[in-house]
Amino acid sequence: MGRGIKKTFEGIVVSDKMDKTVVVMVERLVKHPRVGKYIRRRVKFMAHDERNECKMGDRVQIIESRPLSRHKRWRVLKILEKAK
């Protein structure tokens, strides 16, 4: 029996002040049900960064994981683009 497919998101690191934790802001476009135009929706996730590699402004990919702490349920999978 398989474990299923884990969700992955891409986002920007908005905070790296904690030890082994980064806050990643994920932005997505959602179509308004009545008006029909697309609206930006943002959500922040706390993600585990084992080696403290991520810095503010980096674009990263995060993956779902087991609960690591009270708020952390995501891990940094890879850094897609370093901040300039």
Protein backbone atom coordinates (compact mmCIF):
# COMPACT_ATOMS: atom_id res chain seq x y z
CA MET A 1 0.00 0.00 0.00
CA GLY A 2 1.40 3.38 -1.05
CA ARG A 3 1.63 6.52 1.03
CA GLY A 4 -0.04 8.71 -1.57
CA ILE A 5 1.17 11.84 -3.31
CA LYS A 6 2.44 14.68 -1.14
CA LYS A 7 1.55 18.28 -1.95
CA THR A 8 4.31 20.61 -3.13
CA PHE A 9 4.25 24.39 -3.45
CA GLU A 10 6.64 27.05 -4.70
CA GLY A 11 7.06 30.27 -2.76
CA ILE A 12 9.35 33.02 -1.54
CA VAL A 13 11.12 32.98 1.82
CA VAL A 14 9.85 35.98 3.81
CA SER A 15 11.58 35.21 7.13
CA ASP A 16 14.66 33.22 8.13
CA LYS A 17 15.09 34.51 11.69
CA MET A 18 14.33 31.17 13.38
CA ASP A 19 16.74 28.26 13.74
CA LYS A 20 16.09 25.54 11.11
CA THR A 21 12.78 27.17 10.16
CA VAL A 22 11.77 29.51 7.35
CA VAL A 23 8.47 31.21 6.58
CA VAL A 24 7.48 30.72 2.94
CA MET A 25 4.80 32.84 1.25
CA VAL A 26 2.92 30.97 -1.47
CA GLU A 27 0.86 32.97 -3.95
CA ARG A 28 -1.85 31.50 -6.18
CA LEU A 29 -4.47 32.85 -8.58
CA VAL A 30 -8.12 32.05 -7.86
CA LYS A 31 -11.01 32.85 -10.17
CA HIS A 32 -13.75 34.92 -8.51
CA PRO A 33 -17.00 32.94 -8.69
CA ARG A 34 -19.27 35.83 -9.74
CA VAL A 35 -17.05 38.47 -11.34
CA GLY A 36 -14.84 35.97 -13.18
CA LYS A 37 -11.57 37.86 -12.74
CA TYR A 38 -8.52 36.29 -11.13
CA ILE A 39 -7.54 37.30 -7.59
CA ARG A 40 -4.17 36.73 -5.90
CA ARG A 41 -4.38 34.68 -2.73
CA ARG A 42 -1.38 34.47 -0.40
CA VAL A 43 -0.71 32.08 2.45
CA LYS A 44 2.35 31.65 4.67
CA PHE A 45 3.76 28.28 5.66
CA MET A 46 6.45 27.48 8.21
CA ALA A 47 8.89 25.03 6.66
CA HIS A 48 11.76 23.01 8.10
CA ASP A 49 15.21 23.95 6.73
CA GLU A 50 17.62 21.42 8.25
CA ARG A 51 20.90 23.07 7.16
CA ASN A 52 19.79 26.73 7.48
CA GLU A 53 20.55 27.26 3.77
CA CYS A 54 17.57 29.46 2.87
CA LYS A 55 17.80 33.23 3.08
CA MET A 56 15.17 35.94 2.69
CA GLY A 57 14.07 36.39 -0.92
CA ASP A 58 14.99 32.87 -2.08
CA ARG A 59 12.46 31.02 -4.23
CA VAL A 60 11.98 27.53 -2.76
CA GLN A 61 9.92 24.41 -3.24
CA ILE A 62 8.28 22.98 -0.12
CA ILE A 63 6.74 19.54 0.42
CA GLU A 64 4.18 18.24 2.88
CA SER A 65 5.50 16.24 5.84
CA ARG A 66 4.49 14.92 9.22
CA PRO A 67 4.02 17.53 11.98
CA LEU A 68 7.49 18.65 13.08
CA SER A 69 6.28 21.17 15.67
CA ARG A 70 3.14 23.09 16.58
CA HIS A 71 3.11 25.08 13.31
CA LYS A 72 5.55 23.21 11.02
CA ARG A 73 4.07 20.68 8.63
CA TRP A 74 6.28 21.39 5.60
CA ARG A 75 9.92 20.79 4.61
CA VAL A 76 12.08 22.71 2.15
CA LEU A 77 12.59 20.35 -0.79
CA LYS A 78 15.00 22.51 -2.79
CA ILE A 79 16.08 26.08 -3.43
CA LEU A 80 15.00 27.03 -6.95
CA GLU A 81 16.53 30.52 -7.08
CA LYS A 82 18.82 32.42 -4.72
CA ALA A 83 18.01 36.01 -3.71
CA LYS A 84 19.90 38.74 -5.53
